[in-house]
N, C-alpha and C. Protein backbone atom coordinates (compact mmCIF):
# COMPACT_ATOMS: atom_id res chain seq x y z
N UNK A 1 35.85 113.49 145.95
CA UNK A 1 34.82 112.60 145.22
C UNK A 1 35.59 112.86 143.84
N UNK A 2 35.05 111.64 143.11
CA UNK A 2 35.47 111.68 141.49
C UNK A 2 34.42 111.07 140.59
N UNK A 3 34.20 111.57 139.63
CA UNK A 3 33.12 111.49 138.51
C UNK A 3 33.58 111.29 137.41
N UNK A 4 33.45 109.60 137.10
CA UNK A 4 33.67 109.00 135.97
C UNK A 4 33.04 109.46 134.80
N UNK A 5 33.91 109.51 133.72
CA UNK A 5 32.81 109.61 132.01
C UNK A 5 33.51 108.54 131.19
N UNK A 6 32.90 107.93 130.55
CA UNK A 6 33.03 107.04 129.67
C UNK A 6 33.65 108.15 128.29
N UNK A 7 34.70 107.41 127.66
CA UNK A 7 35.14 108.13 126.49
C UNK A 7 35.64 106.95 125.46
N UNK A 8 35.74 107.12 123.99
CA UNK A 8 35.98 106.48 122.82
C UNK A 8 37.87 106.15 122.76
N UNK A 9 38.02 105.06 122.66
CA UNK A 9 39.42 104.80 122.69
C UNK A 9 40.27 105.33 121.69
N UNK A 10 39.53 105.60 120.75
CA UNK A 10 40.08 106.45 119.50
C UNK A 10 40.36 107.79 119.86
N UNK A 11 39.66 108.79 120.33
CA UNK A 11 39.78 109.88 120.48
C UNK A 11 39.27 110.47 121.98
N UNK A 12 39.82 111.06 122.47
CA UNK A 12 39.25 111.57 123.87
C UNK A 12 38.29 112.99 123.63
N UNK A 13 37.81 113.25 122.12
CA UNK A 13 36.95 114.55 121.96
C UNK A 13 35.67 113.83 122.24
N UNK A 14 35.53 112.29 122.17
CA UNK A 14 33.99 112.28 122.27
C UNK A 14 33.98 111.51 123.78
N UNK A 15 32.77 111.83 124.34
CA UNK A 15 32.38 111.05 125.43
C UNK A 15 31.19 110.18 125.09
N UNK A 16 31.14 108.78 125.49
CA UNK A 16 30.11 108.01 125.24
C UNK A 16 29.32 108.20 126.70
N UNK A 17 28.17 108.65 126.40
CA UNK A 17 27.32 109.07 127.31
C UNK A 17 25.89 108.19 127.34
N UNK A 18 26.19 106.68 128.04
CA UNK A 18 25.46 105.89 128.54
C UNK A 18 24.59 105.97 129.73
N UNK A 19 24.37 107.10 129.94
CA UNK A 19 23.33 107.68 130.98
C UNK A 19 23.71 107.06 132.42
N UNK A 20 24.62 106.43 132.47
CA UNK A 20 25.15 105.93 133.87
C UNK A 20 25.72 107.10 134.38
N UNK A 21 25.84 107.02 135.82
CA UNK A 21 26.58 108.21 136.53
C UNK A 21 27.07 107.56 137.71
N UNK A 22 28.69 107.45 137.49
CA UNK A 22 29.34 106.78 138.53
C UNK A 22 30.06 107.62 139.41
N UNK A 23 30.16 107.80 140.94
CA UNK A 23 31.17 108.61 141.62
C UNK A 23 31.76 107.94 142.58
N UNK A 24 32.74 108.23 143.00
CA UNK A 24 34.12 107.65 143.54
C UNK A 24 34.10 108.13 144.73
N UNK A 25 34.18 107.93 145.75
CA UNK A 25 34.59 108.73 146.78
C UNK A 25 35.78 107.98 147.60
N UNK A 26 36.72 109.04 148.47
CA UNK A 26 37.76 108.48 148.85
C UNK A 26 37.75 107.79 150.06
N UNK A 27 37.12 106.95 150.70
CA UNK A 27 36.70 106.84 152.04
C UNK A 27 38.24 107.06 153.21
N UNK A 28 39.46 107.07 152.54
CA UNK A 28 40.19 107.10 153.40
C UNK A 28 40.27 108.71 153.84
N UNK A 29 39.42 109.43 153.20
CA UNK A 29 39.57 110.87 153.76
C UNK A 29 38.26 111.16 154.31
N UNK A 30 37.86 110.45 154.98
CA UNK A 30 36.29 110.86 155.32
C UNK A 30 36.53 111.84 156.54
N UNK A 31 37.55 112.03 157.10
CA UNK A 31 37.47 112.93 158.42
C UNK A 31 37.64 114.65 157.49
N UNK A 32 37.74 114.69 156.21
CA UNK A 32 37.80 115.65 155.94
C UNK A 32 36.36 116.14 154.89
N UNK A 33 35.37 115.43 155.23
CA UNK A 33 34.13 115.59 154.62
C UNK A 33 33.39 116.48 155.49
N UNK A 34 32.91 117.31 154.99
CA UNK A 34 31.82 118.50 155.54
C UNK A 34 30.40 118.00 156.25
N UNK A 35 30.00 117.09 155.32
CA UNK A 35 28.36 116.41 155.70
C UNK A 35 28.76 115.76 156.81
N UNK A 36 27.82 115.62 157.81
CA UNK A 36 28.03 114.81 158.69
C UNK A 36 27.82 113.17 158.51
N UNK A 37 26.16 113.08 157.71
CA UNK A 37 26.25 111.57 157.21
C UNK A 37 27.17 111.25 156.38
N UNK A 38 27.65 111.85 155.28
CA UNK A 38 27.94 111.18 154.02
C UNK A 38 29.87 110.77 155.07
N UNK A 39 30.05 111.66 156.22
CA UNK A 39 31.43 111.46 156.79
C UNK A 39 31.36 110.05 157.55
N UNK A 40 30.37 109.60 158.11
CA UNK A 40 29.70 108.68 158.70
C UNK A 40 29.86 107.74 158.18
N UNK A 41 29.26 107.56 156.87
CA UNK A 41 28.95 106.25 156.25
C UNK A 41 30.42 106.30 155.21
N UNK A 42 31.45 107.29 155.10
CA UNK A 42 32.85 106.96 154.47
C UNK A 42 33.48 106.06 155.70
N UNK A 43 33.28 107.01 156.98
CA UNK A 43 34.21 106.14 158.21
C UNK A 43 33.89 104.48 158.59
N UNK A 44 32.31 104.25 158.26
CA UNK A 44 32.29 103.37 158.48
C UNK A 44 32.49 102.31 157.26
N UNK A 45 32.76 102.59 155.93
CA UNK A 45 33.33 101.94 155.11
C UNK A 45 34.76 101.59 155.32
N UNK A 46 35.68 102.60 155.60
CA UNK A 46 36.76 102.76 156.03
C UNK A 46 37.30 101.89 157.17
N UNK A 47 36.95 102.34 158.38
CA UNK A 47 37.14 101.69 159.40
C UNK A 47 36.16 100.45 160.18
N UNK A 48 35.38 100.19 159.37
CA UNK A 48 34.07 99.32 160.02
C UNK A 48 34.01 99.82 161.23
N UNK A 49 33.44 101.29 161.55
CA UNK A 49 33.35 101.83 162.98
C UNK A 49 31.99 102.31 162.71
N UNK A 50 30.83 101.98 163.52
CA UNK A 50 29.69 102.79 163.32
C UNK A 50 29.22 103.37 164.36
N UNK A 51 29.29 104.81 163.49
CA UNK A 51 29.07 105.81 164.99
C UNK A 51 28.03 106.68 164.58
N UNK A 52 26.94 106.71 163.73
CA UNK A 52 25.60 107.39 163.62
C UNK A 52 24.60 106.13 163.62
N UNK A 53 23.54 106.94 163.63
CA UNK A 53 22.62 105.55 163.64
C UNK A 53 22.49 104.95 162.43
N UNK A 54 22.64 105.80 161.30
CA UNK A 54 22.39 105.47 159.80
C UNK A 54 23.86 103.89 159.68
N UNK A 55 24.70 104.50 159.96
CA UNK A 55 25.81 103.31 160.01
C UNK A 55 25.89 102.36 161.11
N UNK A 56 25.05 102.45 162.00
CA UNK A 56 24.74 101.29 162.88
C UNK A 56 23.69 100.56 162.14
N UNK A 57 22.95 101.00 161.44
CA UNK A 57 21.71 100.39 160.96
C UNK A 57 22.48 99.49 159.73
N UNK A 58 23.66 100.00 159.07
CA UNK A 58 24.31 99.28 158.12
C UNK A 58 24.93 97.90 158.55
N UNK A 59 25.66 98.45 159.92
CA UNK A 59 26.36 97.39 160.53
C UNK A 59 25.18 96.15 160.83
N UNK A 60 24.14 96.63 161.34
CA UNK A 60 22.99 95.65 161.83
C UNK A 60 22.61 94.78 160.46
N UNK A 61 22.28 95.63 159.35
CA UNK A 61 22.23 94.86 158.48
C UNK A 61 23.24 93.76 157.74
N UNK A 62 24.46 94.41 157.75
CA UNK A 62 25.43 93.38 157.48
C UNK A 62 25.56 92.36 158.03
N UNK A 63 25.47 92.32 159.50
CA UNK A 63 25.51 91.37 160.67
C UNK A 63 24.43 90.14 160.32
N UNK A 64 23.09 91.06 160.16
CA UNK A 64 22.10 89.88 160.05
C UNK A 64 22.36 89.22 158.36
N UNK A 65 22.61 89.77 157.39
CA UNK A 65 23.05 89.27 156.26
C UNK A 65 23.99 88.08 156.26
N UNK A 66 25.15 88.59 157.17
CA UNK A 66 25.99 87.55 157.12
C UNK A 66 25.91 86.07 157.84
N UNK A 67 24.81 86.52 158.83
CA UNK A 67 24.50 85.15 159.51
C UNK A 67 23.45 84.28 158.78
N UNK A 68 22.77 84.61 157.57
CA UNK A 68 21.89 83.97 156.57
C UNK A 68 22.84 83.30 155.58
N UNK A 69 22.97 81.81 155.57
CA UNK A 69 23.95 81.13 154.68
C UNK A 69 23.28 81.74 153.13
N UNK A 70 22.08 81.79 152.83
CA UNK A 70 21.51 82.32 151.07
C UNK A 70 22.23 83.70 151.36
N UNK A 71 22.59 84.47 152.36
CA UNK A 71 23.25 85.85 151.90
C UNK A 71 24.53 85.61 151.82
N UNK A 72 25.08 84.76 152.08
CA UNK A 72 26.85 84.70 152.28
C UNK A 72 27.27 85.02 150.94
N UNK A 73 26.72 84.38 149.48
CA UNK A 73 27.21 84.77 148.52
C UNK A 73 27.57 86.25 147.76
N UNK A 74 26.05 86.93 148.05
CA UNK A 74 25.77 87.89 147.90
C UNK A 74 26.58 89.04 148.86
N UNK A 75 27.06 88.62 150.29
CA UNK A 75 27.81 89.35 150.97
C UNK A 75 29.28 89.57 150.43
N UNK A 76 29.58 88.51 150.12
CA UNK A 76 30.89 88.23 149.39
C UNK A 76 31.06 89.07 148.36
N UNK A 77 30.08 89.01 147.65
CA UNK A 77 30.10 89.80 146.26
C UNK A 77 30.48 91.26 146.49
N UNK A 78 29.35 92.01 147.59
CA UNK A 78 29.34 93.30 147.82
C UNK A 78 30.74 93.28 148.70
N UNK A 79 31.43 92.59 149.21
CA UNK A 79 32.49 92.80 149.77
C UNK A 79 33.86 92.83 148.71
N UNK A 80 33.73 92.01 147.91
CA UNK A 80 34.42 92.17 146.54
C UNK A 80 34.39 93.61 145.63
N UNK A 81 33.16 93.61 146.03
CA UNK A 81 33.17 95.59 145.19
C UNK A 81 33.32 96.42 145.84
N UNK A 82 33.28 96.41 147.25
CA UNK A 82 33.77 97.27 148.42
C UNK A 82 35.41 97.49 148.21
N UNK A 83 35.86 96.11 148.11
CA UNK A 83 37.27 96.24 148.51
C UNK A 83 37.84 97.05 146.85
N UNK A 84 37.31 96.38 145.43
CA UNK A 84 37.83 97.09 144.49
C UNK A 84 37.48 98.68 144.64
N UNK A 85 36.31 99.08 145.05
CA UNK A 85 36.25 100.29 145.33
C UNK A 85 37.07 101.25 146.28
N UNK A 86 37.56 100.55 147.57
CA UNK A 86 38.46 100.99 148.06
C UNK A 86 39.84 100.95 147.32
N UNK A 87 40.02 100.10 146.59
CA UNK A 87 41.57 100.37 145.92
C UNK A 87 41.68 101.49 145.01
N UNK A 88 40.62 101.33 144.10
CA UNK A 88 40.16 102.75 142.96
C UNK A 88 40.34 103.82 143.51
N UNK A 89 39.87 104.08 144.90
CA UNK A 89 39.65 105.36 145.90
C UNK A 89 41.04 105.88 146.31
N UNK A 90 41.93 104.33 146.68
CA UNK A 90 43.10 104.52 147.06
C UNK A 90 43.98 105.40 145.92
N UNK A 91 43.74 104.74 144.82
CA UNK A 91 44.64 105.23 143.68
C UNK A 91 44.65 106.37 143.24
N UNK A 92 43.06 106.65 143.18
CA UNK A 92 42.61 107.79 142.85
C UNK A 92 43.63 109.01 143.96
N UNK A 93 43.35 108.92 145.39
CA UNK A 93 43.67 109.48 146.14
C UNK A 93 45.34 109.54 146.25
N UNK A 94 46.39 108.81 145.80
CA UNK A 94 47.65 108.95 145.32
C UNK A 94 48.06 109.92 144.18
N UNK A 95 46.61 109.14 143.04
CA UNK A 95 47.25 110.31 141.89
C UNK A 95 47.13 111.70 141.89
N UNK A 96 46.19 111.75 142.57
CA UNK A 96 45.46 113.30 143.45
C UNK A 96 46.94 113.79 144.06
N UNK A 97 47.38 113.53 145.05
CA UNK A 97 48.39 113.52 146.04
C UNK A 97 49.78 113.72 144.95
N UNK A 98 49.97 112.89 143.95
CA UNK A 98 51.16 113.24 142.90
C UNK A 98 50.95 114.44 142.25
N UNK A 99 49.80 114.54 141.90
CA UNK A 99 49.35 115.85 140.72
C UNK A 99 49.76 117.11 141.77
N UNK A 100 49.27 117.06 142.89
CA UNK A 100 49.18 118.10 143.64
C UNK A 100 50.43 118.55 144.27
N UNK A 101 51.30 117.58 144.42
CA UNK A 101 52.76 117.53 145.12
C UNK A 101 53.33 118.33 143.54
N UNK A 102 53.19 117.92 142.17
CA UNK A 102 54.04 118.27 141.14
C UNK A 102 53.60 119.67 140.60
N UNK A 103 52.27 119.93 141.03
CA UNK A 103 52.03 121.39 140.94
C UNK A 103 52.94 122.14 141.94
N UNK A 104 53.03 121.86 143.21
CA UNK A 104 53.47 122.52 144.15
C UNK A 104 54.88 122.53 143.69
N UNK A 105 55.59 121.83 143.12
CA UNK A 105 56.84 121.69 142.84
C UNK A 105 56.94 123.08 141.44
N UNK A 106 56.01 122.91 140.74
CA UNK A 106 55.88 123.41 139.56
C UNK A 106 55.86 125.24 139.97
N UNK A 107 55.02 125.41 140.83
CA UNK A 107 54.73 126.81 141.64
C UNK A 107 56.44 127.29 142.57
N UNK A 108 57.28 126.32 142.87
CA UNK A 108 58.00 126.86 143.75
C UNK A 108 59.42 127.14 142.62
N UNK A 109 59.09 126.16 141.62
CA UNK A 109 60.26 126.79 140.68
C UNK A 109 59.90 127.34 139.59
N UNK A 110 58.74 127.95 139.37
CA UNK A 110 58.56 129.34 138.82
C UNK A 110 58.87 130.28 140.09
N UNK A 111 58.28 130.67 141.13
CA UNK A 111 59.20 131.49 142.02
C UNK A 111 60.48 131.72 141.81
N UNK A 112 61.44 130.49 141.88
CA UNK A 112 62.86 130.23 141.77
C UNK A 112 62.98 131.03 140.21
N UNK A 113 62.66 130.73 139.52
CA UNK A 113 63.06 131.01 137.82
C UNK A 113 62.50 133.02 137.74
N UNK A 114 61.89 133.10 138.78
CA UNK A 114 61.47 134.72 138.43
C UNK A 114 62.12 135.52 139.22
N UNK A 115 62.72 134.76 140.58
CA UNK A 115 63.56 135.65 141.20
C UNK A 115 65.18 135.62 140.56
N UNK A 116 64.90 134.80 139.81
CA UNK A 116 66.34 134.87 138.88
C UNK A 116 66.41 135.72 137.26
N UNK A 117 65.41 136.25 137.34
CA UNK A 117 65.02 137.38 136.42
C UNK A 117 64.64 136.38 134.94
N UNK A 118 63.94 135.46 134.90
CA UNK A 118 63.83 134.75 133.97
C UNK A 118 62.33 135.53 133.49
N UNK A 119 62.56 135.17 131.62
CA UNK A 119 61.15 135.55 131.46
C UNK A 119 59.74 134.71 131.53
N UNK A 120 58.69 135.92 131.90
CA UNK A 120 57.52 135.27 132.00
C UNK A 120 57.07 134.17 131.24
N UNK A 121 57.33 134.62 129.87
CA UNK A 121 57.08 133.54 128.75
C UNK A 121 57.84 132.29 129.17
N UNK A 122 58.89 132.61 129.41
CA UNK A 122 60.13 131.23 129.56
C UNK A 122 59.52 130.20 130.70
N UNK A 123 59.19 131.32 131.73
CA UNK A 123 58.64 130.41 133.05
C UNK A 123 57.42 129.57 132.81
N UNK A 124 56.64 129.90 131.85
CA UNK A 124 55.51 129.38 131.62
C UNK A 124 55.85 127.99 130.99
N UNK A 125 56.53 128.40 129.88
CA UNK A 125 57.08 126.79 129.08
C UNK A 125 57.55 125.94 129.94
N UNK A 126 58.62 126.09 130.90
CA UNK A 126 59.47 125.42 131.68
C UNK A 126 58.61 124.86 132.71
N UNK A 127 57.46 125.35 133.54
CA UNK A 127 56.72 124.88 134.45
C UNK A 127 55.50 124.36 133.78
N UNK A 128 54.62 124.69 132.60
CA UNK A 128 53.32 124.21 132.59
C UNK A 128 52.35 125.32 132.71
N UNK A 129 52.73 126.03 133.82
CA UNK A 129 52.09 126.80 134.60
C UNK A 129 50.90 127.94 133.79
N UNK A 130 50.07 128.35 134.15
CA UNK A 130 49.51 129.29 133.41
C UNK A 130 49.95 130.90 133.73
N UNK A 131 49.60 131.65 132.91
CA UNK A 131 50.30 133.14 133.43
C UNK A 131 49.72 133.50 134.74
N UNK A 132 48.10 133.19 134.64
CA UNK A 132 47.60 133.81 136.01
C UNK A 132 48.51 132.77 137.16
N UNK A 133 48.55 131.61 137.09
CA UNK A 133 49.22 131.06 137.98
C UNK A 133 50.45 131.52 138.90
N UNK A 134 51.07 132.05 137.73
CA UNK A 134 52.08 132.98 137.72
C UNK A 134 52.22 134.02 138.35
N UNK A 135 51.53 134.98 137.94
CA UNK A 135 51.40 135.97 138.38
C UNK A 135 50.69 136.09 140.06
N UNK A 136 50.15 135.15 140.26
CA UNK A 136 49.80 134.89 141.53
C UNK A 136 50.59 134.74 142.61
N UNK A 137 52.08 134.53 141.95
CA UNK A 137 53.33 134.05 142.67
C UNK A 137 53.82 135.38 142.95
N UNK A 138 54.13 136.20 142.42
CA UNK A 138 54.76 137.37 142.39
C UNK A 138 54.32 138.23 143.49
């Protein structure tokens, strides 16, 4: 899950609170979700497989909407939005994976530096890890 906050371009210190609340889910990670209803909805979005009563209802309503000519434009608009959200979630998931990988590499590097006798302050400076992170490595 990702929460979006609007900030001013000129300064990251100021958050523009327009009272909207946007939450993005990485639907490709549906299998990792603990909440069964949310997991089924995300699976339906990701795989187009209705596995619960709610996702079956979504599927029925989608088919009904697709069969009505006046709903076709709205359906296509919804599908465009859904594809954009899927792409955003995929990119966010990739970014999260890269950040996690970079952190893991920093932890591995810190461990090697400590075993070579490099000072704690130098390890902090070279890896960007906090003192607590590094103390947990020992």
